[in-house]
Amino acid sequence: MYRIADSCLNAVTPMSAYFVMTLGILQRYRASAGIGTLASLTVPLSAVMLVVWSLLFYAWWALGIPLGPGAPVRLRVGLSPADIWWLSTGSSGERSIETVRGAREHFGIGEHRGSRGGRP
């Protein structure tokens, strides 16, 4: 979600490296153009991009398409991201949720509750 909002607002911010270049090109065709003119021309485009990218993200999420290799859209309850990665790197016969839970019980590690793995 951060990248969606960030990419849409890059065209509007005067801190963008391309803002000055775009303003120079705009002033070739409209000599009276300034920062406000450029911002007023790019805000509607940014709003449309924000809506379209957000709808695309929600559709992607609703369909359950993985975000990348070993990065499922929804994490299973009780498993850490490291456990999810470990499960996704092996074949289904070698690695299962039961082996992860068995290893956790063997080494005395509780259920995952944040970055400390459930330990006090």
C-alpha atoms as a PDB file:
ATOM      1  CA  MET A   1       0.000   0.000   0.000  1.00  0.00           C
ATOM      2  CA  TYR A   2       2.897   2.351   0.726  1.00  0.00           C
ATOM      3  CA  ARG A   3       4.303   1.984  -2.781  1.00  0.00           C
ATOM      4  CA  ILE A   4       0.879   2.621  -4.320  1.00  0.00           C
ATOM      5  CA  ALA A   5       0.432   5.929  -2.514  1.00  0.00           C
ATOM      6  CA  ASP A   6       4.082   6.912  -2.950  1.00  0.00           C
ATOM      7  CA  SER A   7       4.145   6.310  -6.694  1.00  0.00           C
ATOM      8  CA  CYS A   8       0.936   8.266  -7.238  1.00  0.00           C
ATOM      9  CA  LEU A   9       2.084  11.315  -5.301  1.00  0.00           C
ATOM     10  CA  ASN A  10       5.589  11.504  -6.801  1.00  0.00           C
ATOM     11  CA  ALA A  11       4.229  13.504  -9.742  1.00  0.00           C
ATOM     12  CA  VAL A  12       2.726  16.143  -7.445  1.00  0.00           C
ATOM     13  CA  THR A  13       5.573  16.794  -5.025  1.00  0.00           C
ATOM     14  CA  PRO A  14       7.954  19.675  -5.809  1.00  0.00           C
ATOM     15  CA  MET A  15      10.736  17.582  -4.207  1.00  0.00           C
ATOM     16  CA  SER A  16      10.728  15.194  -7.163  1.00  0.00           C
ATOM     17  CA  ALA A  17      13.805  15.376  -9.369  1.00  0.00           C
ATOM     18  CA  TYR A  18      11.580  15.435 -12.451  1.00  0.00           C
ATOM     19  CA  PHE A  19       9.310  18.229 -11.184  1.00  0.00           C
ATOM     20  CA  VAL A  20      11.718  20.993 -12.256  1.00  0.00           C
ATOM     21  CA  MET A  21      12.331  19.314 -15.617  1.00  0.00           C
ATOM     22  CA  THR A  22       8.596  18.955 -16.214  1.00  0.00           C
ATOM     23  CA  LEU A  23       8.047  22.582 -15.204  1.00  0.00           C
ATOM     24  CA  GLY A  24      10.663  23.672 -17.754  1.00  0.00           C
ATOM     25  CA  ILE A  25       8.972  21.702 -20.522  1.00  0.00           C
ATOM     26  CA  LEU A  26       5.570  23.102 -19.503  1.00  0.00           C
ATOM     27  CA  GLN A  27       6.911  26.670 -19.614  1.00  0.00           C
ATOM     28  CA  ARG A  28       8.005  26.136 -23.228  1.00  0.00           C
ATOM     29  CA  TYR A  29       4.372  25.841 -24.237  1.00  0.00           C
ATOM     30  CA  ARG A  30       2.784  28.059 -21.564  1.00  0.00           C
ATOM     31  CA  ALA A  31       5.187  30.829 -20.488  1.00  0.00           C
ATOM     32  CA  SER A  32       3.073  31.914 -17.515  1.00  0.00           C
ATOM     33  CA  ALA A  33       3.066  28.408 -15.987  1.00  0.00           C
ATOM     34  CA  GLY A  34       4.453  28.013 -12.487  1.00  0.00           C
ATOM     35  CA  ILE A  35       4.528  25.456  -9.690  1.00  0.00           C
ATOM     36  CA  GLY A  36       0.803  25.861  -9.005  1.00  0.00           C
ATOM     37  CA  THR A  37      -0.086  25.293 -12.651  1.00  0.00           C
ATOM     38  CA  LEU A  38       1.953  22.099 -12.807  1.00  0.00           C
ATOM     39  CA  ALA A  39       0.535  20.850  -9.509  1.00  0.00           C
ATOM     40  CA  SER A  40      -3.033  21.587 -10.629  1.00  0.00           C
ATOM     41  CA  LEU A  41      -2.428  19.611 -13.834  1.00  0.00           C
ATOM     42  CA  THR A  42      -0.914  16.605 -12.071  1.00  0.00           C
ATOM     43  CA  VAL A  43      -3.299  16.278  -9.078  1.00  0.00           C
ATOM     44  CA  PRO A  44      -6.211  14.832 -11.134  1.00  0.00           C
ATOM     45  CA  LEU A  45      -3.832  12.356 -12.775  1.00  0.00           C
ATOM     46  CA  SER A  46      -2.477  11.333  -9.376  1.00  0.00           C
ATOM     47  CA  ALA A  47      -5.996  10.856  -8.007  1.00  0.00           C
ATOM     48  CA  VAL A  48      -6.974   8.615 -10.912  1.00  0.00           C
ATOM     49  CA  MET A  49      -3.747   6.615 -10.546  1.00  0.00           C
ATOM     50  CA  LEU A  50      -4.375   6.179  -6.812  1.00  0.00           C
ATOM     51  CA  VAL A  51      -7.886   4.828  -7.407  1.00  0.00           C
ATOM     52  CA  VAL A  52      -6.816   2.481 -10.225  1.00  0.00           C
ATOM     53  CA  TRP A  53      -3.750   1.105  -8.380  1.00  0.00           C
ATOM     54  CA  SER A  54      -5.806   0.596  -5.203  1.00  0.00           C
ATOM     55  CA  LEU A  55      -8.533  -1.285  -7.085  1.00  0.00           C
ATOM     56  CA  LEU A  56      -5.904  -3.430  -8.795  1.00  0.00           C
ATOM     57  CA  PHE A  57      -4.283  -4.217  -5.425  1.00  0.00           C
ATOM     58  CA  TYR A  58      -7.619  -5.164  -3.838  1.00  0.00           C
ATOM     59  CA  ALA A  59      -8.497  -7.382  -6.818  1.00  0.00           C
ATOM     60  CA  TRP A  60      -5.074  -9.068  -6.552  1.00  0.00           C
ATOM     61  CA  TRP A  61      -5.603  -9.593  -2.818  1.00  0.00           C
ATOM     62  CA  ALA A  62      -9.177 -10.899  -3.259  1.00  0.00           C
ATOM     63  CA  LEU A  63      -8.037 -13.443  -5.838  1.00  0.00           C
ATOM     64  CA  GLY A  64      -5.306 -14.665  -3.473  1.00  0.00           C
ATOM     65  CA  ILE A  65      -2.493 -14.311  -6.010  1.00  0.00           C
ATOM     66  CA  PRO A  66       0.903 -14.502  -4.225  1.00  0.00           C
ATOM     67  CA  LEU A  67       2.750 -11.207  -3.879  1.00  0.00           C
ATOM     68  CA  GLY A  68       6.008 -12.882  -4.904  1.00  0.00           C
ATOM     69  CA  PRO A  69       8.000 -16.133  -4.514  1.00  0.00           C
ATOM     70  CA  GLY A  70       7.370 -17.450  -1.007  1.00  0.00           C
ATOM     71  CA  ALA A  71       5.201 -14.436  -0.108  1.00  0.00           C
ATOM     72  CA  PRO A  72       1.577 -15.496   0.226  1.00  0.00           C
ATOM     73  CA  VAL A  73      -1.133 -12.876   0.457  1.00  0.00           C
ATOM     74  CA  ARG A  74      -2.463 -14.249   3.727  1.00  0.00           C
ATOM     75  CA  LEU A  75      -0.260 -15.680   6.478  1.00  0.00           C
ATOM     76  CA  ARG A  76      -1.377 -18.719   8.421  1.00  0.00           C
ATOM     77  CA  VAL A  77      -2.165 -18.103  12.069  1.00  0.00           C
ATOM     78  CA  GLY A  78       0.565 -19.311  14.424  1.00  0.00           C
ATOM     79  CA  LEU A  79       3.372 -19.363  11.869  1.00  0.00           C
ATOM     80  CA  SER A  80       6.073 -16.756  11.493  1.00  0.00           C
ATOM     81  CA  PRO A  81       7.129 -15.388   8.087  1.00  0.00           C
ATOM     82  CA  ALA A  82      10.311 -17.483   8.443  1.00  0.00           C
ATOM     83  CA  ASP A  83       8.181 -20.623   8.896  1.00  0.00           C
ATOM     84  CA  ILE A  84       6.118 -19.726   5.822  1.00  0.00           C
ATOM     85  CA  TRP A  85       9.317 -19.278   3.788  1.00  0.00           C
ATOM     86  CA  TRP A  86      10.754 -22.559   5.069  1.00  0.00           C
ATOM     87  CA  LEU A  87       7.556 -24.400   4.157  1.00  0.00           C
ATOM     88  CA  SER A  88       7.478 -22.875   0.677  1.00  0.00           C
ATOM     89  CA  THR A  89      11.087 -23.792  -0.207  1.00  0.00           C
ATOM     90  CA  GLY A  90      10.704 -27.564   0.056  1.00  0.00           C
ATOM     91  CA  SER A  91       8.459 -30.085  -1.619  1.00  0.00           C
ATOM     92  CA  SER A  92       5.112 -30.739   0.045  1.00  0.00           C
ATOM     93  CA  GLY A  93       6.170 -34.237   1.128  1.00  0.00           C
ATOM     94  CA  GLU A  94       9.283 -33.100   3.012  1.00  0.00           C
ATOM     95  CA  ARG A  95       7.953 -30.117   4.890  1.00  0.00           C
ATOM     96  CA  SER A  96       4.610 -29.629   6.532  1.00  0.00           C
ATOM     97  CA  ILE A  97       3.035 -27.506   9.207  1.00  0.00           C
ATOM     98  CA  GLU A  98       3.249 -30.479  11.575  1.00  0.00           C
ATOM     99  CA  THR A  99       7.054 -30.613  11.214  1.00  0.00           C
ATOM    100  CA  VAL A 100       7.298 -26.896  11.988  1.00  0.00           C
ATOM    101  CA  ARG A 101       5.081 -27.276  15.052  1.00  0.00           C
ATOM    102  CA  GLY A 102       6.968 -30.417  16.097  1.00  0.00           C
ATOM    103  CA  ALA A 103      10.292 -28.598  15.863  1.00  0.00           C
ATOM    104  CA  ARG A 104       8.874 -25.703  17.882  1.00  0.00           C
ATOM    105  CA  GLU A 105       7.723 -28.101  20.618  1.00  0.00           C
ATOM    106  CA  HIS A 106      11.054 -29.979  20.575  1.00  0.00           C
ATOM    107  CA  PHE A 107      13.073 -26.793  21.054  1.00  0.00           C
ATOM    108  CA  GLY A 108      10.582 -25.247  23.506  1.00  0.00           C
ATOM    109  CA  ILE A 109       9.539 -22.374  21.250  1.00  0.00           C
ATOM    110  CA  GLY A 110       5.971 -21.166  21.734  1.00  0.00           C
ATOM    111  CA  GLU A 111       3.579 -19.976  19.081  1.00  0.00           C
ATOM    112  CA  HIS A 112       4.734 -16.964  17.099  1.00  0.00           C
ATOM    113  CA  ARG A 113       3.643 -13.730  18.808  1.00  0.00           C
ATOM    114  CA  GLY A 114       5.676 -11.053  17.073  1.00  0.00           C
ATOM    115  CA  SER A 115       9.387 -10.607  16.539  1.00  0.00           C
ATOM    116  CA  ARG A 116      10.414 -12.530  19.685  1.00  0.00           C
ATOM    117  CA  GLY A 117       8.625 -15.748  18.734  1.00  0.00           C
ATOM    118  CA  GLY A 118       6.450 -15.901  21.853  1.00  0.00           C
ATOM    119  CA  ARG A 119       9.355 -15.915  24.312  1.00  0.00           C
ATOM    120  CA  PRO A 120       9.208 -13.452  27.237  1.00  0.00           C
END
